[in-house]
Amino acid sequence: MGASKIRFNDVPYRQGFLEVTNIHPGHINIETWKIHPDLDISEKQFDDKAITDDCVVANTEIELSVEQAKALIASLEAAIANASEGGRG
């Protein structure tokens, strides 16, 4: 599986990038980078030279088992259904 970063910037103070890869056998690696809200990333990729180390205000990396990843998918699907109906929470 090739790594690709997903840009998220609909809520500027929570903008950043997310990457899903397989680093350890039998696990799913999720890594996020929160980017400072003063930098507009709407037209930028993560490897853009404008995104310097100083722009990254937080970085988190977690490893999920296959079962944990399935639980995450179920939670995401429920949240997507709720958001699609205009809900939150």
N, C-alpha and C. Protein backbone atom coordinates (compact mmCIF):
# COMPACT_ATOMS: atom_id res chain seq x y z
N MET A 1 0.85 -1.18 0.00
CA MET A 1 0.00 0.00 0.00
C MET A 1 0.89 1.23 0.00
N GLY A 2 0.73 2.08 -0.98
CA GLY A 2 1.50 3.31 -1.04
C GLY A 2 0.93 4.36 -0.10
N ALA A 3 1.82 5.08 0.53
CA ALA A 3 1.40 6.12 1.47
C ALA A 3 0.98 7.37 0.71
N SER A 4 -0.15 7.91 1.07
CA SER A 4 -0.55 9.20 0.54
C SER A 4 -1.15 9.99 1.69
N LYS A 5 -0.91 11.27 1.68
CA LYS A 5 -1.39 12.12 2.76
C LYS A 5 -2.70 12.78 2.35
N ILE A 6 -3.65 12.78 3.25
CA ILE A 6 -4.94 13.42 3.05
C ILE A 6 -4.89 14.78 3.72
N ARG A 7 -5.18 15.82 2.95
CA ARG A 7 -5.21 17.18 3.51
C ARG A 7 -6.60 17.40 4.11
N PHE A 8 -6.65 17.96 5.30
CA PHE A 8 -7.94 18.36 5.89
C PHE A 8 -7.80 19.79 6.38
N ASN A 9 -8.68 20.66 5.89
CA ASN A 9 -8.58 22.08 6.25
C ASN A 9 -9.93 22.79 6.25
N ASP A 10 -11.02 22.04 6.43
CA ASP A 10 -12.33 22.68 6.52
C ASP A 10 -12.47 23.54 7.77
N VAL A 11 -11.81 23.15 8.84
CA VAL A 11 -11.80 23.91 10.10
C VAL A 11 -10.35 24.37 10.29
N PRO A 12 -10.04 25.63 9.94
CA PRO A 12 -8.64 26.09 9.88
C PRO A 12 -7.82 25.83 11.14
N TYR A 13 -8.40 25.99 12.33
CA TYR A 13 -7.59 25.80 13.53
C TYR A 13 -7.33 24.32 13.83
N ARG A 14 -7.89 23.43 13.00
CA ARG A 14 -7.63 21.99 13.12
C ARG A 14 -7.10 21.41 11.81
N GLN A 15 -6.49 22.23 11.00
CA GLN A 15 -6.03 21.78 9.69
C GLN A 15 -4.75 20.98 9.77
N GLY A 16 -4.56 20.14 8.76
CA GLY A 16 -3.33 19.37 8.70
C GLY A 16 -3.40 18.27 7.66
N PHE A 17 -2.64 17.22 7.92
CA PHE A 17 -2.54 16.09 7.00
C PHE A 17 -2.63 14.80 7.79
N LEU A 18 -3.15 13.76 7.15
CA LEU A 18 -3.27 12.44 7.74
C LEU A 18 -2.73 11.42 6.76
N GLU A 19 -2.00 10.46 7.28
CA GLU A 19 -1.42 9.41 6.43
C GLU A 19 -1.72 8.05 7.06
N VAL A 20 -2.10 7.10 6.21
CA VAL A 20 -2.36 5.73 6.66
C VAL A 20 -1.39 4.81 5.93
N THR A 21 -0.62 4.04 6.70
CA THR A 21 0.36 3.12 6.11
C THR A 21 0.40 1.83 6.91
N ASN A 22 1.21 0.91 6.46
CA ASN A 22 1.50 -0.33 7.19
C ASN A 22 3.00 -0.34 7.47
N ILE A 23 3.37 -0.11 8.71
CA ILE A 23 4.78 -0.11 9.09
C ILE A 23 5.13 -1.42 9.79
N HIS A 24 4.31 -1.81 10.77
CA HIS A 24 4.55 -3.04 11.51
C HIS A 24 3.61 -4.13 11.01
N PRO A 25 4.09 -5.35 10.84
CA PRO A 25 3.24 -6.44 10.33
C PRO A 25 1.96 -6.60 11.15
N GLY A 26 0.84 -6.73 10.44
CA GLY A 26 -0.44 -6.94 11.09
C GLY A 26 -1.03 -5.71 11.74
N HIS A 27 -0.49 -4.53 11.46
CA HIS A 27 -0.97 -3.29 12.07
C HIS A 27 -1.15 -2.21 11.01
N ILE A 28 -1.99 -1.26 11.36
CA ILE A 28 -2.24 -0.10 10.51
C ILE A 28 -1.68 1.11 11.25
N ASN A 29 -0.84 1.86 10.58
CA ASN A 29 -0.21 3.04 11.16
C ASN A 29 -0.97 4.28 10.69
N ILE A 30 -1.37 5.11 11.63
CA ILE A 30 -2.02 6.38 11.32
C ILE A 30 -1.16 7.49 11.90
N GLU A 31 -0.82 8.45 11.05
CA GLU A 31 -0.01 9.58 11.50
C GLU A 31 -0.69 10.87 11.07
N THR A 32 -0.72 11.84 11.97
CA THR A 32 -1.29 13.14 11.66
C THR A 32 -0.28 14.24 11.94
N TRP A 33 -0.39 15.29 11.16
CA TRP A 33 0.41 16.50 11.35
C TRP A 33 -0.56 17.67 11.40
N LYS A 34 -0.61 18.38 12.52
CA LYS A 34 -1.43 19.59 12.63
C LYS A 34 -0.58 20.75 12.16
N ILE A 35 -1.13 21.55 11.25
CA ILE A 35 -0.41 22.68 10.66
C ILE A 35 -0.97 23.98 11.23
N HIS A 36 -0.08 24.91 11.55
CA HIS A 36 -0.49 26.20 12.13
C HIS A 36 -1.56 26.85 11.25
N PRO A 37 -2.63 27.38 11.87
CA PRO A 37 -3.74 27.94 11.09
C PRO A 37 -3.39 29.19 10.29
N ASP A 38 -2.28 29.85 10.60
CA ASP A 38 -1.90 31.03 9.82
C ASP A 38 -1.42 30.67 8.41
N LEU A 39 -1.07 29.41 8.19
CA LEU A 39 -0.62 28.98 6.87
C LEU A 39 -1.81 28.38 6.12
N ASP A 40 -2.13 28.93 4.97
CA ASP A 40 -3.22 28.41 4.13
C ASP A 40 -2.69 27.19 3.38
N ILE A 41 -3.22 26.01 3.70
CA ILE A 41 -2.75 24.79 3.05
C ILE A 41 -3.72 24.31 1.97
N SER A 42 -4.72 25.12 1.64
CA SER A 42 -5.76 24.66 0.71
C SER A 42 -5.23 24.24 -0.65
N GLU A 43 -4.12 24.78 -1.08
CA GLU A 43 -3.53 24.41 -2.37
C GLU A 43 -2.17 23.74 -2.21
N LYS A 44 -1.86 23.28 -1.01
CA LYS A 44 -0.53 22.74 -0.75
C LYS A 44 -0.58 21.23 -0.50
N GLN A 45 0.49 20.57 -0.89
CA GLN A 45 0.71 19.18 -0.52
C GLN A 45 1.67 19.18 0.67
N PHE A 46 1.74 18.06 1.37
CA PHE A 46 2.57 18.01 2.57
C PHE A 46 4.04 18.30 2.28
N ASP A 47 4.51 17.92 1.11
CA ASP A 47 5.93 18.14 0.78
C ASP A 47 6.21 19.53 0.22
N ASP A 48 5.21 20.42 0.24
CA ASP A 48 5.39 21.79 -0.22
C ASP A 48 6.45 22.47 0.64
N LYS A 49 7.35 23.21 0.01
CA LYS A 49 8.44 23.87 0.75
C LYS A 49 7.92 24.93 1.71
N ALA A 50 6.70 25.42 1.51
CA ALA A 50 6.12 26.41 2.41
C ALA A 50 5.76 25.80 3.77
N ILE A 51 5.61 24.49 3.82
CA ILE A 51 5.29 23.82 5.08
C ILE A 51 6.60 23.40 5.74
N THR A 52 7.09 24.28 6.58
CA THR A 52 8.35 24.03 7.28
C THR A 52 8.09 23.32 8.61
N ASP A 53 9.14 22.87 9.26
CA ASP A 53 9.00 22.23 10.57
C ASP A 53 8.31 23.16 11.57
N ASP A 54 8.55 24.46 11.45
CA ASP A 54 7.93 25.42 12.36
C ASP A 54 6.42 25.50 12.17
N CYS A 55 5.92 25.13 11.00
CA CYS A 55 4.48 25.16 10.72
C CYS A 55 3.75 23.98 11.34
N VAL A 56 4.48 22.91 11.63
CA VAL A 56 3.87 21.72 12.23
C VAL A 56 3.80 21.94 13.73
N VAL A 57 2.58 22.08 14.25
CA VAL A 57 2.41 22.38 15.67
C VAL A 57 2.11 21.13 16.49
N ALA A 58 1.78 20.02 15.83
CA ALA A 58 1.55 18.76 16.54
C ALA A 58 1.72 17.60 15.56
N ASN A 59 2.14 16.48 16.10
CA ASN A 59 2.33 15.27 15.30
C ASN A 59 2.00 14.08 16.18
N THR A 60 1.14 13.20 15.68
CA THR A 60 0.76 12.01 16.42
C THR A 60 0.85 10.80 15.51
N GLU A 61 1.35 9.71 16.05
CA GLU A 61 1.45 8.47 15.28
C GLU A 61 0.96 7.33 16.17
N ILE A 62 0.02 6.53 15.65
CA ILE A 62 -0.51 5.40 16.40
C ILE A 62 -0.50 4.15 15.54
N GLU A 63 -0.46 3.00 16.20
CA GLU A 63 -0.52 1.70 15.53
C GLU A 63 -1.81 1.01 15.98
N LEU A 64 -2.62 0.59 15.02
CA LEU A 64 -3.86 -0.11 15.32
C LEU A 64 -3.75 -1.56 14.87
N SER A 65 -4.30 -2.47 15.68
CA SER A 65 -4.44 -3.85 15.21
C SER A 65 -5.53 -3.86 14.15
N VAL A 66 -5.66 -4.96 13.45
CA VAL A 66 -6.72 -5.07 12.43
C VAL A 66 -8.08 -4.89 13.09
N GLU A 67 -8.30 -5.49 14.24
CA GLU A 67 -9.59 -5.36 14.93
C GLU A 67 -9.84 -3.92 15.37
N GLN A 68 -8.82 -3.24 15.85
CA GLN A 68 -8.97 -1.84 16.24
C GLN A 68 -9.28 -0.98 15.02
N ALA A 69 -8.65 -1.27 13.89
CA ALA A 69 -8.91 -0.52 12.66
C ALA A 69 -10.35 -0.74 12.20
N LYS A 70 -10.85 -1.96 12.33
CA LYS A 70 -12.25 -2.24 11.97
C LYS A 70 -13.20 -1.47 12.87
N ALA A 71 -12.88 -1.38 14.17
CA ALA A 71 -13.70 -0.59 15.09
C ALA A 71 -13.67 0.88 14.71
N LEU A 72 -12.50 1.38 14.30
CA LEU A 72 -12.39 2.77 13.84
C LEU A 72 -13.25 2.99 12.60
N ILE A 73 -13.21 2.06 11.66
CA ILE A 73 -14.02 2.18 10.45
C ILE A 73 -15.50 2.23 10.80
N ALA A 74 -15.95 1.38 11.71
CA ALA A 74 -17.36 1.40 12.12
C ALA A 74 -17.72 2.74 12.75
N SER A 75 -16.84 3.28 13.57
CA SER A 75 -17.09 4.60 14.19
C SER A 75 -17.13 5.69 13.13
N LEU A 76 -16.23 5.63 12.16
CA LEU A 76 -16.21 6.62 11.08
C LEU A 76 -17.48 6.53 10.24
N GLU A 77 -17.92 5.31 9.92
CA GLU A 77 -19.14 5.15 9.13
C GLU A 77 -20.35 5.71 9.86
N ALA A 78 -20.44 5.50 11.17
CA ALA A 78 -21.55 6.05 11.96
C ALA A 78 -21.49 7.57 11.98
N ALA A 79 -20.29 8.13 12.15
CA ALA A 79 -20.13 9.59 12.17
C ALA A 79 -20.44 10.19 10.81
N ILE A 80 -20.05 9.50 9.73
CA ILE A 80 -20.36 9.98 8.37
C ILE A 80 -21.86 10.01 8.15
N ALA A 81 -22.55 8.95 8.56
CA ALA A 81 -24.01 8.91 8.41
C ALA A 81 -24.65 10.06 9.18
N ASN A 82 -24.19 10.30 10.40
CA ASN A 82 -24.73 11.38 11.22
C ASN A 82 -24.45 12.75 10.60
N ALA A 83 -23.21 12.97 10.15
CA ALA A 83 -22.85 14.25 9.54
C ALA A 83 -23.60 14.47 8.23
N SER A 84 -23.85 13.41 7.48
CA SER A 84 -24.58 13.53 6.22
C SER A 84 -26.01 13.97 6.44
N GLU A 85 -26.53 13.69 7.63
CA GLU A 85 -27.89 14.11 7.98
C GLU A 85 -27.89 15.45 8.70
N GLY A 86 -26.74 16.11 8.74
CA GLY A 86 -26.64 17.43 9.36
C GLY A 86 -26.39 17.39 10.85
N GLY A 87 -26.13 16.22 11.39
CA GLY A 87 -25.93 16.09 12.83
C GLY A 87 -24.50 16.35 13.24
N ARG A 88 -24.31 16.38 14.53
CA ARG A 88 -22.98 16.47 15.11
C ARG A 88 -23.02 15.82 16.48
N GLY A 89 -21.84 15.57 17.01
CA GLY A 89 -21.80 15.00 18.36
C GLY A 89 -21.52 13.54 18.39
